[in-house]
């Protein structure tokens, strides 16, 4: 039952953003709000669980990626930089901005992941540099460019200037970061 509530809530976030009500969610599920509140005492708790599941999924995917010896370090780096939880791949960038605006305490978890969880990427960069497949570069600056780019994309999306999914935006941004703009 809990998984069903989570699945419908994810769909609703994708469809309308975070402004849905627990009552609307209950109607879609064909159950009472009381039943949902047995699993989640508040909408904040439900959204927090969705975000925590996404973070846990990312950590698992990153560990699998780091352990994949079949991938070239540059391929690993690209995949690591565009890792997105399955349910978030088609999210419009505005959803991240809404989460930041309306659920600041939950956003702190996402922000911490974005700004602090770079150990896996740094290991991949160091592997690429040590094997000679990447030139030495200032990895902290690279990470700051990535973070700044992501936040700027969110900001532009909230103003209606960027109509891309999170996946599309990250793919393009990472392509520019890794390949530059020279033909």
N, C-alpha and C. Protein backbone atom coordinates (compact mmCIF):
# COMPACT_ATOMS: atom_id res chain seq x y z
N UNK A 1 0.83 -1.19 0.00
CA UNK A 1 0.00 0.00 0.00
C UNK A 1 0.88 1.26 0.00
N UNK A 2 1.91 1.24 0.83
CA UNK A 2 2.80 2.39 0.92
C UNK A 2 3.45 2.70 -0.43
N UNK A 3 3.89 1.66 -1.13
CA UNK A 3 4.50 1.83 -2.45
C UNK A 3 3.50 2.42 -3.44
N UNK A 4 2.26 2.01 -3.32
CA UNK A 4 1.22 2.53 -4.21
C UNK A 4 0.99 4.03 -3.96
N UNK A 5 0.97 4.42 -2.71
CA UNK A 5 0.83 5.84 -2.35
C UNK A 5 2.01 6.63 -2.91
N UNK A 6 3.22 6.09 -2.73
CA UNK A 6 4.41 6.76 -3.25
C UNK A 6 4.36 6.90 -4.77
N UNK A 7 3.95 5.83 -5.44
CA UNK A 7 3.90 5.86 -6.91
C UNK A 7 2.91 6.91 -7.40
N UNK A 8 1.75 6.98 -6.80
CA UNK A 8 0.75 7.98 -7.21
C UNK A 8 1.21 9.40 -6.87
N UNK A 9 1.87 9.55 -5.75
CA UNK A 9 2.38 10.88 -5.38
C UNK A 9 3.45 11.32 -6.37
N UNK A 10 4.32 10.41 -6.78
CA UNK A 10 5.34 10.76 -7.78
C UNK A 10 4.69 11.19 -9.09
N UNK A 11 3.66 10.45 -9.50
CA UNK A 11 2.94 10.81 -10.73
C UNK A 11 2.32 12.20 -10.61
N UNK A 12 1.76 12.47 -9.46
CA UNK A 12 1.10 13.76 -9.25
C UNK A 12 2.13 14.90 -9.26
N UNK A 13 3.28 14.67 -8.67
CA UNK A 13 4.34 15.68 -8.69
C UNK A 13 4.77 15.93 -10.14
N UNK A 14 4.93 14.87 -10.88
CA UNK A 14 5.31 15.00 -12.29
C UNK A 14 4.25 15.77 -13.07
N UNK A 15 3.00 15.47 -12.79
CA UNK A 15 1.89 16.06 -13.55
C UNK A 15 1.60 17.51 -13.15
N UNK A 16 1.53 17.79 -11.84
CA UNK A 16 1.08 19.11 -11.40
C UNK A 16 2.05 19.82 -10.46
N UNK A 17 3.11 19.16 -10.07
CA UNK A 17 4.02 19.76 -9.10
C UNK A 17 3.65 19.37 -7.68
N UNK A 18 4.18 20.10 -6.74
CA UNK A 18 4.02 19.77 -5.32
C UNK A 18 2.76 20.35 -4.70
N UNK A 19 1.91 20.94 -5.50
CA UNK A 19 0.73 21.61 -4.94
C UNK A 19 -0.48 20.70 -4.76
N UNK A 20 -0.35 19.44 -5.05
CA UNK A 20 -1.47 18.52 -4.86
C UNK A 20 -1.81 18.43 -3.38
N UNK A 21 -3.04 18.03 -3.11
CA UNK A 21 -3.45 17.83 -1.71
C UNK A 21 -3.53 16.34 -1.41
N UNK A 22 -3.49 16.03 -0.15
CA UNK A 22 -3.62 14.63 0.26
C UNK A 22 -5.02 14.12 -0.11
N UNK A 23 -6.01 14.99 -0.06
CA UNK A 23 -7.36 14.62 -0.43
C UNK A 23 -7.42 14.24 -1.92
N UNK A 24 -6.78 15.03 -2.78
CA UNK A 24 -6.74 14.71 -4.21
C UNK A 24 -6.03 13.38 -4.44
N UNK A 25 -4.95 13.17 -3.73
CA UNK A 25 -4.20 11.93 -3.86
C UNK A 25 -5.06 10.74 -3.43
N UNK A 26 -5.78 10.90 -2.34
CA UNK A 26 -6.65 9.82 -1.85
C UNK A 26 -7.72 9.48 -2.88
N UNK A 27 -8.31 10.49 -3.49
CA UNK A 27 -9.33 10.24 -4.53
C UNK A 27 -8.76 9.45 -5.68
N UNK A 28 -7.56 9.82 -6.12
CA UNK A 28 -6.92 9.10 -7.23
C UNK A 28 -6.63 7.65 -6.87
N UNK A 29 -6.30 7.44 -5.62
CA UNK A 29 -5.99 6.08 -5.15
C UNK A 29 -7.25 5.28 -4.83
N UNK A 30 -8.38 5.98 -4.75
CA UNK A 30 -9.62 5.30 -4.39
C UNK A 30 -9.65 4.88 -2.93
N UNK A 31 -9.10 5.70 -2.08
CA UNK A 31 -9.08 5.40 -0.64
C UNK A 31 -9.34 6.67 0.13
N UNK A 32 -9.49 6.53 1.41
CA UNK A 32 -9.73 7.71 2.24
C UNK A 32 -8.40 8.38 2.59
N UNK A 33 -8.48 9.66 2.92
CA UNK A 33 -7.27 10.36 3.36
C UNK A 33 -6.77 9.77 4.67
N UNK A 34 -7.69 9.27 5.46
CA UNK A 34 -7.30 8.65 6.73
C UNK A 34 -6.34 7.47 6.49
N UNK A 35 -6.61 6.71 5.44
CA UNK A 35 -5.74 5.58 5.11
C UNK A 35 -4.34 6.06 4.73
N UNK A 36 -4.27 7.14 3.95
CA UNK A 36 -2.96 7.70 3.57
C UNK A 36 -2.24 8.19 4.82
N UNK A 37 -2.99 8.86 5.70
CA UNK A 37 -2.37 9.40 6.92
C UNK A 37 -1.88 8.30 7.87
N UNK A 38 -2.36 7.07 7.68
CA UNK A 38 -1.82 5.96 8.47
C UNK A 38 -0.37 5.68 8.05
N UNK A 39 -0.09 5.90 6.78
CA UNK A 39 1.27 5.68 6.26
C UNK A 39 2.13 6.93 6.39
N UNK A 40 1.51 8.07 6.13
CA UNK A 40 2.23 9.34 6.15
C UNK A 40 1.44 10.35 6.96
N UNK A 41 1.98 10.79 8.08
CA UNK A 41 1.25 11.70 8.95
C UNK A 41 1.03 13.09 8.35
N UNK A 42 1.79 13.40 7.27
CA UNK A 42 1.64 14.71 6.63
C UNK A 42 2.14 14.62 5.19
N UNK A 43 1.77 15.61 4.42
CA UNK A 43 2.26 15.69 3.04
C UNK A 43 3.78 15.87 3.05
N UNK A 44 4.29 16.63 4.00
CA UNK A 44 5.74 16.81 4.12
C UNK A 44 6.44 15.47 4.32
N UNK A 45 5.87 14.61 5.14
CA UNK A 45 6.46 13.29 5.39
C UNK A 45 6.45 12.45 4.11
N UNK A 46 5.39 12.55 3.35
CA UNK A 46 5.29 11.83 2.07
C UNK A 46 6.36 12.33 1.11
N UNK A 47 6.48 13.62 0.95
CA UNK A 47 7.47 14.19 0.03
C UNK A 47 8.88 13.89 0.52
N UNK A 48 9.09 13.95 1.82
CA UNK A 48 10.39 13.61 2.37
C UNK A 48 10.76 12.17 2.04
N UNK A 49 9.80 11.26 2.11
CA UNK A 49 10.06 9.85 1.79
C UNK A 49 10.40 9.71 0.30
N UNK A 50 9.70 10.43 -0.56
CA UNK A 50 9.99 10.38 -1.99
C UNK A 50 11.42 10.86 -2.25
N UNK A 51 11.79 11.96 -1.63
CA UNK A 51 13.14 12.51 -1.81
C UNK A 51 14.18 11.54 -1.24
N UNK A 52 13.94 10.98 -0.07
CA UNK A 52 14.90 10.05 0.52
C UNK A 52 15.06 8.81 -0.34
N UNK A 53 13.97 8.29 -0.90
CA UNK A 53 14.06 7.14 -1.81
C UNK A 53 14.91 7.49 -3.02
N UNK A 54 14.74 8.70 -3.55
CA UNK A 54 15.51 9.14 -4.71
C UNK A 54 17.00 9.24 -4.36
N UNK A 55 17.31 9.78 -3.20
CA UNK A 55 18.70 9.90 -2.76
C UNK A 55 19.32 8.52 -2.58
N UNK A 56 18.59 7.62 -1.96
CA UNK A 56 19.08 6.25 -1.77
C UNK A 56 19.34 5.57 -3.11
N UNK A 57 18.42 5.77 -4.06
CA UNK A 57 18.59 5.20 -5.40
C UNK A 57 19.84 5.75 -6.07
N UNK A 58 20.07 7.05 -5.94
CA UNK A 58 21.26 7.66 -6.53
C UNK A 58 22.54 7.08 -5.95
N UNK A 59 22.56 6.89 -4.66
CA UNK A 59 23.76 6.34 -4.01
C UNK A 59 24.04 4.93 -4.49
N UNK A 60 23.00 4.14 -4.66
CA UNK A 60 23.17 2.77 -5.17
C UNK A 60 23.69 2.80 -6.60
N UNK A 61 23.08 3.65 -7.44
CA UNK A 61 23.51 3.75 -8.84
C UNK A 61 24.96 4.22 -8.93
N UNK A 62 25.33 5.16 -8.10
CA UNK A 62 26.70 5.68 -8.13
C UNK A 62 27.69 4.59 -7.72
N UNK A 63 27.36 3.80 -6.72
CA UNK A 63 28.24 2.71 -6.29
C UNK A 63 28.38 1.66 -7.39
N UNK A 64 27.28 1.34 -8.05
CA UNK A 64 27.32 0.38 -9.17
C UNK A 64 28.19 0.91 -10.30
N UNK A 65 28.04 2.19 -10.58
CA UNK A 65 28.82 2.82 -11.65
C UNK A 65 30.30 2.81 -11.31
N UNK A 66 30.64 3.16 -10.10
CA UNK A 66 32.04 3.19 -9.68
C UNK A 66 32.67 1.80 -9.75
N UNK A 67 31.88 0.77 -9.50
CA UNK A 67 32.40 -0.60 -9.50
C UNK A 67 32.47 -1.21 -10.90
N UNK A 68 31.91 -0.55 -11.89
CA UNK A 68 31.86 -1.08 -13.26
C UNK A 68 33.23 -0.92 -13.93
N UNK A 69 33.97 -2.03 -14.01
CA UNK A 69 35.31 -1.99 -14.60
C UNK A 69 35.28 -2.00 -16.12
N UNK A 70 34.12 -2.19 -16.70
CA UNK A 70 34.02 -2.22 -18.17
C UNK A 70 33.96 -0.82 -18.78
N UNK A 71 33.71 0.18 -17.96
CA UNK A 71 33.58 1.54 -18.48
C UNK A 71 34.89 2.32 -18.40
N UNK A 72 35.15 3.07 -19.43
CA UNK A 72 36.26 4.01 -19.50
C UNK A 72 35.99 5.12 -18.48
N UNK A 73 37.02 5.66 -17.81
CA UNK A 73 36.77 6.72 -16.81
C UNK A 73 35.95 7.90 -17.32
N UNK A 74 36.14 8.30 -18.57
CA UNK A 74 35.36 9.41 -19.12
C UNK A 74 33.88 9.04 -19.24
N UNK A 75 33.61 7.79 -19.63
CA UNK A 75 32.22 7.32 -19.69
C UNK A 75 31.61 7.30 -18.29
N UNK A 76 32.40 6.82 -17.32
CA UNK A 76 31.93 6.80 -15.93
C UNK A 76 31.60 8.20 -15.45
N UNK A 77 32.50 9.14 -15.75
CA UNK A 77 32.29 10.51 -15.31
C UNK A 77 31.02 11.08 -15.90
N UNK A 78 30.83 10.88 -17.19
CA UNK A 78 29.62 11.40 -17.83
C UNK A 78 28.37 10.79 -17.20
N UNK A 79 28.38 9.49 -17.02
CA UNK A 79 27.22 8.83 -16.43
C UNK A 79 26.98 9.29 -14.99
N UNK A 80 28.06 9.50 -14.25
CA UNK A 80 27.93 9.96 -12.86
C UNK A 80 27.32 11.36 -12.80
N UNK A 81 27.69 12.20 -13.74
CA UNK A 81 27.21 13.59 -13.72
C UNK A 81 25.76 13.73 -14.19
N UNK A 82 25.24 12.72 -14.87
CA UNK A 82 23.84 12.80 -15.32
C UNK A 82 22.95 11.81 -14.58
N UNK A 83 23.47 11.23 -13.50
CA UNK A 83 22.66 10.29 -12.71
C UNK A 83 21.43 11.01 -12.15
N UNK A 84 20.29 10.41 -12.39
CA UNK A 84 19.03 10.95 -11.90
C UNK A 84 18.20 9.76 -11.43
N UNK A 85 17.48 9.91 -10.33
CA UNK A 85 16.58 8.82 -9.93
C UNK A 85 15.57 8.54 -11.03
N UNK A 86 15.20 7.31 -11.18
CA UNK A 86 14.28 6.89 -12.25
C UNK A 86 13.04 7.77 -12.33
N UNK A 87 12.43 8.03 -11.19
CA UNK A 87 11.18 8.80 -11.19
C UNK A 87 11.37 10.28 -11.49
N UNK A 88 12.59 10.77 -11.43
CA UNK A 88 12.85 12.20 -11.63
C UNK A 88 13.33 12.52 -13.03
N UNK A 89 13.60 11.51 -13.87
CA UNK A 89 14.21 11.75 -15.16
C UNK A 89 13.37 12.66 -16.06
N UNK A 90 12.08 12.54 -15.98
CA UNK A 90 11.23 13.35 -16.84
C UNK A 90 10.70 14.59 -16.12
N UNK A 91 11.16 14.82 -14.90
CA UNK A 91 10.74 16.02 -14.17
C UNK A 91 11.19 17.26 -14.92
N UNK A 92 10.32 18.21 -14.98
CA UNK A 92 10.67 19.54 -15.45
C UNK A 92 11.59 20.14 -14.39
N UNK A 93 12.55 20.93 -14.80
CA UNK A 93 13.45 21.56 -13.84
C UNK A 93 12.72 22.38 -12.79
N UNK A 94 11.53 22.86 -13.13
CA UNK A 94 10.76 23.66 -12.17
C UNK A 94 10.41 22.88 -10.91
N UNK A 95 10.33 21.56 -11.02
CA UNK A 95 9.99 20.76 -9.85
C UNK A 95 11.04 20.89 -8.76
N UNK A 96 12.31 20.96 -9.15
CA UNK A 96 13.36 21.15 -8.15
C UNK A 96 13.23 22.52 -7.50
N UNK A 97 12.91 23.50 -8.30
CA UNK A 97 12.74 24.85 -7.77
C UNK A 97 11.54 24.91 -6.83
N UNK A 98 10.46 24.23 -7.18
CA UNK A 98 9.29 24.17 -6.29
C UNK A 98 9.63 23.50 -4.98
N UNK A 99 10.38 22.42 -5.05
CA UNK A 99 10.78 21.72 -3.83
C UNK A 99 11.59 22.67 -2.95
N UNK A 100 12.52 23.39 -3.55
CA UNK A 100 13.34 24.35 -2.82
C UNK A 100 12.49 25.44 -2.18
N UNK A 101 11.51 25.91 -2.90
CA UNK A 101 10.69 27.04 -2.44
C UNK A 101 9.66 26.64 -1.38
N UNK A 102 8.95 25.54 -1.62
CA UNK A 102 7.83 25.18 -0.75
C UNK A 102 8.17 24.19 0.36
N UNK A 103 9.29 23.49 0.21
CA UNK A 103 9.69 22.49 1.21
C UNK A 103 11.17 22.67 1.55
N UNK A 104 11.51 23.81 2.16
CA UNK A 104 12.93 24.12 2.39
C UNK A 104 13.66 23.10 3.26
N UNK A 105 12.98 22.52 4.22
CA UNK A 105 13.65 21.53 5.08
C UNK A 105 13.98 20.26 4.29
N UNK A 106 13.08 19.86 3.42
CA UNK A 106 13.34 18.68 2.57
C UNK A 106 14.39 19.03 1.53
N UNK A 107 14.32 20.25 1.01
CA UNK A 107 15.30 20.69 0.01
C UNK A 107 16.72 20.61 0.56
N UNK A 108 16.89 20.82 1.85
CA UNK A 108 18.23 20.77 2.43
C UNK A 108 18.92 19.44 2.15
N UNK A 109 18.15 18.34 2.14
CA UNK A 109 18.71 17.03 1.82
C UNK A 109 19.22 16.99 0.39
N UNK A 110 18.42 17.52 -0.53
CA UNK A 110 18.80 17.53 -1.93
C UNK A 110 20.01 18.45 -2.12
N UNK A 111 19.95 19.61 -1.51
CA UNK A 111 21.06 20.57 -1.61
C UNK A 111 22.34 19.96 -1.07
N UNK A 112 22.26 19.27 0.02
CA UNK A 112 23.44 18.63 0.59
C UNK A 112 23.99 17.58 -0.38
N UNK A 113 23.13 16.82 -1.00
CA UNK A 113 23.57 15.83 -1.98
C UNK A 113 24.27 16.53 -3.15
N UNK A 114 23.66 17.61 -3.64
CA UNK A 114 24.22 18.33 -4.79
C UNK A 114 25.56 18.98 -4.44
N UNK A 115 25.67 19.53 -3.26
CA UNK A 115 26.87 20.31 -2.93
C UNK A 115 27.98 19.53 -2.22
N UNK A 116 27.64 18.40 -1.61
CA UNK A 116 28.64 17.72 -0.79
C UNK A 116 28.98 16.30 -1.20
N UNK A 117 28.15 15.64 -1.93
CA UNK A 117 28.36 14.22 -2.22
C UNK A 117 29.13 14.01 -3.53
N UNK A 118 30.41 14.35 -3.51
CA UNK A 118 31.21 14.29 -4.73
C UNK A 118 32.36 13.29 -4.65
N UNK A 119 32.41 12.49 -3.60
CA UNK A 119 33.52 11.55 -3.44
C UNK A 119 33.63 10.58 -4.62
N UNK A 120 32.51 10.04 -5.06
CA UNK A 120 32.52 9.10 -6.19
C UNK A 120 33.02 9.74 -7.47
N UNK A 121 32.55 10.95 -7.75
CA UNK A 121 32.99 11.67 -8.95
C UNK A 121 34.48 11.99 -8.85
N UNK A 122 34.93 12.40 -7.68
CA UNK A 122 36.36 12.70 -7.51
C UNK A 122 37.22 11.45 -7.71
N UNK A 123 36.73 10.30 -7.26
CA UNK A 123 37.47 9.05 -7.49
C UNK A 123 37.56 8.75 -8.99
N UNK A 124 36.47 8.98 -9.71
CA UNK A 124 36.47 8.74 -11.16
C UNK A 124 37.44 9.71 -11.85
N UNK A 125 37.41 10.97 -11.45
CA UNK A 125 38.32 11.95 -12.04
C UNK A 125 39.77 11.55 -11.77
N UNK A 126 40.07 11.18 -10.54
CA UNK A 126 41.44 10.77 -10.20
C UNK A 126 41.85 9.52 -10.98
N UNK A 127 40.92 8.60 -11.16
CA UNK A 127 41.20 7.40 -11.97
C UNK A 127 41.53 7.82 -13.41
N UNK A 128 40.73 8.73 -13.97
CA UNK A 128 40.97 9.18 -15.33
C UNK A 128 42.30 9.90 -15.48
N UNK A 129 42.65 10.70 -14.49
CA UNK A 129 43.93 11.43 -14.55
C UNK A 129 45.10 10.46 -14.39
N UNK A 130 44.97 9.52 -13.45
CA UNK A 130 46.08 8.59 -13.20
C UNK A 130 46.30 7.62 -14.36
N UNK A 131 45.25 7.32 -15.11
CA UNK A 131 45.41 6.42 -16.27
C UNK A 131 45.75 7.19 -17.54
N UNK A 132 45.77 8.52 -17.45
CA UNK A 132 46.12 9.32 -18.61
C UNK A 132 44.98 9.55 -19.59
N UNK A 133 43.77 9.15 -19.21
CA UNK A 133 42.63 9.35 -20.12
C UNK A 133 41.99 10.72 -19.95
N UNK A 134 42.37 11.42 -18.88
CA UNK A 134 41.94 12.81 -18.67
C UNK A 134 43.17 13.61 -18.33
N UNK A 135 43.19 14.84 -18.77
CA UNK A 135 44.30 15.72 -18.41
C UNK A 135 44.08 16.22 -16.98
N UNK A 136 45.13 16.54 -16.28
CA UNK A 136 44.94 17.12 -14.94
C UNK A 136 44.17 18.44 -15.04
N UNK A 137 43.25 18.64 -14.13
CA UNK A 137 42.49 19.88 -14.07
C UNK A 137 42.03 20.11 -12.64
N UNK A 138 41.55 21.29 -12.38
CA UNK A 138 41.11 21.68 -11.04
C UNK A 138 39.72 21.07 -10.81
N UNK A 139 39.67 19.93 -10.15
CA UNK A 139 38.40 19.22 -9.99
C UNK A 139 37.40 19.98 -9.13
N UNK A 140 37.87 20.72 -8.15
CA UNK A 140 36.93 21.51 -7.32
C UNK A 140 36.25 22.59 -8.15
N UNK A 141 36.99 23.22 -9.04
CA UNK A 141 36.40 24.23 -9.92
C UNK A 141 35.38 23.57 -10.86
N UNK A 142 35.73 22.41 -11.39
CA UNK A 142 34.82 21.67 -12.27
C UNK A 142 33.50 21.39 -11.55
N UNK A 143 33.59 20.94 -10.31
CA UNK A 143 32.39 20.64 -9.52
C UNK A 143 31.59 21.91 -9.27
N UNK A 144 32.26 22.99 -8.93
CA UNK A 144 31.55 24.26 -8.71
C UNK A 144 30.85 24.74 -9.98
N UNK A 145 31.48 24.55 -11.14
CA UNK A 145 30.83 24.90 -12.41
C UNK A 145 29.56 24.08 -12.62
N UNK A 146 29.66 22.80 -12.31
CA UNK A 146 28.50 21.91 -12.45
C UNK A 146 27.37 22.36 -11.53
N UNK A 147 27.69 22.56 -10.26
CA UNK A 147 26.67 22.96 -9.28
C UNK A 147 26.06 24.30 -9.67
N UNK A 148 26.90 25.26 -10.01
CA UNK A 148 26.41 26.57 -10.43
C UNK A 148 25.53 26.49 -11.66
N UNK A 149 25.93 25.65 -12.60
CA UNK A 149 25.13 25.46 -13.82
C UNK A 149 23.77 24.87 -13.50
N UNK A 150 23.74 23.88 -12.64
CA UNK A 150 22.47 23.25 -12.27
C UNK A 150 21.55 24.26 -11.59
N UNK A 151 22.07 25.02 -10.65
CA UNK A 151 21.23 26.00 -9.96
C UNK A 151 20.76 27.10 -10.90
N UNK A 152 21.61 27.49 -11.82
CA UNK A 152 21.21 28.51 -12.80
C UNK A 152 20.11 27.97 -13.72
N UNK A 153 20.22 26.72 -14.13
CA UNK A 153 19.17 26.10 -14.95
C UNK A 153 17.84 26.08 -14.19
N UNK A 154 17.89 25.74 -12.90
CA UNK A 154 16.67 25.74 -12.08
C UNK A 154 16.07 27.14 -12.02
N UNK A 155 16.91 28.13 -11.82
CA UNK A 155 16.45 29.51 -11.73
C UNK A 155 15.80 29.96 -13.04
N UNK A 156 16.44 29.65 -14.15
CA UNK A 156 15.89 30.04 -15.45
C UNK A 156 14.59 29.30 -15.74
N UNK A 157 14.52 28.06 -15.33
CA UNK A 157 13.31 27.28 -15.53
C UNK A 157 12.14 27.85 -14.74
N UNK A 158 12.41 28.30 -13.53
CA UNK A 158 11.34 28.87 -12.70
C UNK A 158 10.78 30.15 -13.30
N UNK A 159 11.59 30.82 -14.12
CA UNK A 159 11.14 32.04 -14.79
C UNK A 159 10.51 31.74 -16.14
N UNK A 160 10.39 30.46 -16.48
CA UNK A 160 9.79 30.07 -17.75
C UNK A 160 10.72 30.20 -18.94
N UNK A 161 12.01 30.34 -18.68
CA UNK A 161 12.97 30.53 -19.76
C UNK A 161 13.64 29.23 -20.18
N UNK A 162 13.36 28.14 -19.52
CA UNK A 162 14.02 26.88 -19.81
C UNK A 162 12.99 25.76 -19.69
N UNK A 163 12.52 25.28 -20.79
CA UNK A 163 11.50 24.22 -20.77
C UNK A 163 12.13 22.88 -21.15
N UNK A 164 12.92 22.35 -20.25
CA UNK A 164 13.57 21.07 -20.46
C UNK A 164 13.32 20.18 -19.25
N UNK A 165 13.42 18.90 -19.49
CA UNK A 165 13.37 17.99 -18.36
C UNK A 165 14.71 18.05 -17.66
N UNK A 166 14.76 17.56 -16.46
CA UNK A 166 16.00 17.51 -15.71
C UNK A 166 17.04 16.69 -16.48
N UNK A 167 16.61 15.57 -17.03
CA UNK A 167 17.52 14.72 -17.80
C UNK A 167 18.09 15.42 -19.02
N UNK A 168 17.25 16.10 -19.77
CA UNK A 168 17.71 16.83 -20.97
C UNK A 168 18.71 17.92 -20.59
N UNK A 169 18.37 18.68 -19.56
CA UNK A 169 19.24 19.79 -19.15
C UNK A 169 20.60 19.27 -18.68
N UNK A 170 20.61 18.20 -17.89
CA UNK A 170 21.89 17.66 -17.41
C UNK A 170 22.71 17.09 -18.56
N UNK A 171 22.06 16.40 -19.50
CA UNK A 171 22.79 15.86 -20.65
C UNK A 171 23.50 16.97 -21.42
N UNK A 172 22.80 18.06 -21.69
CA UNK A 172 23.40 19.16 -22.45
C UNK A 172 24.50 19.85 -21.64
N UNK A 173 24.24 20.09 -20.38
CA UNK A 173 25.23 20.77 -19.55
C UNK A 173 26.50 19.94 -19.43
N UNK A 174 26.36 18.66 -19.19
CA UNK A 174 27.52 17.79 -19.03
C UNK A 174 28.27 17.66 -20.36
N UNK A 175 27.55 17.61 -21.46
CA UNK A 175 28.22 17.56 -22.76
C UNK A 175 29.11 18.79 -22.95
N UNK A 176 28.60 19.96 -22.60
CA UNK A 176 29.40 21.18 -22.73
C UNK A 176 30.58 21.16 -21.76
N UNK A 177 30.37 20.71 -20.53
CA UNK A 177 31.46 20.66 -19.56
C UNK A 177 32.56 19.68 -19.99
N UNK A 178 32.17 18.54 -20.54
CA UNK A 178 33.16 17.53 -20.89
C UNK A 178 33.77 17.72 -22.28
N UNK A 179 32.97 18.21 -23.22
CA UNK A 179 33.43 18.31 -24.60
C UNK A 179 33.68 19.74 -25.07
N UNK A 180 33.24 20.71 -24.27
CA UNK A 180 33.43 22.09 -24.67
C UNK A 180 32.52 22.49 -25.81
N UNK A 181 32.89 23.55 -26.47
CA UNK A 181 32.07 24.05 -27.58
C UNK A 181 32.83 24.12 -28.90
N UNK A 182 34.10 23.74 -28.86
CA UNK A 182 34.92 23.77 -30.07
C UNK A 182 34.53 22.59 -30.96
N UNK A 183 34.40 22.87 -32.24
CA UNK A 183 33.99 21.83 -33.20
C UNK A 183 35.08 20.79 -33.37
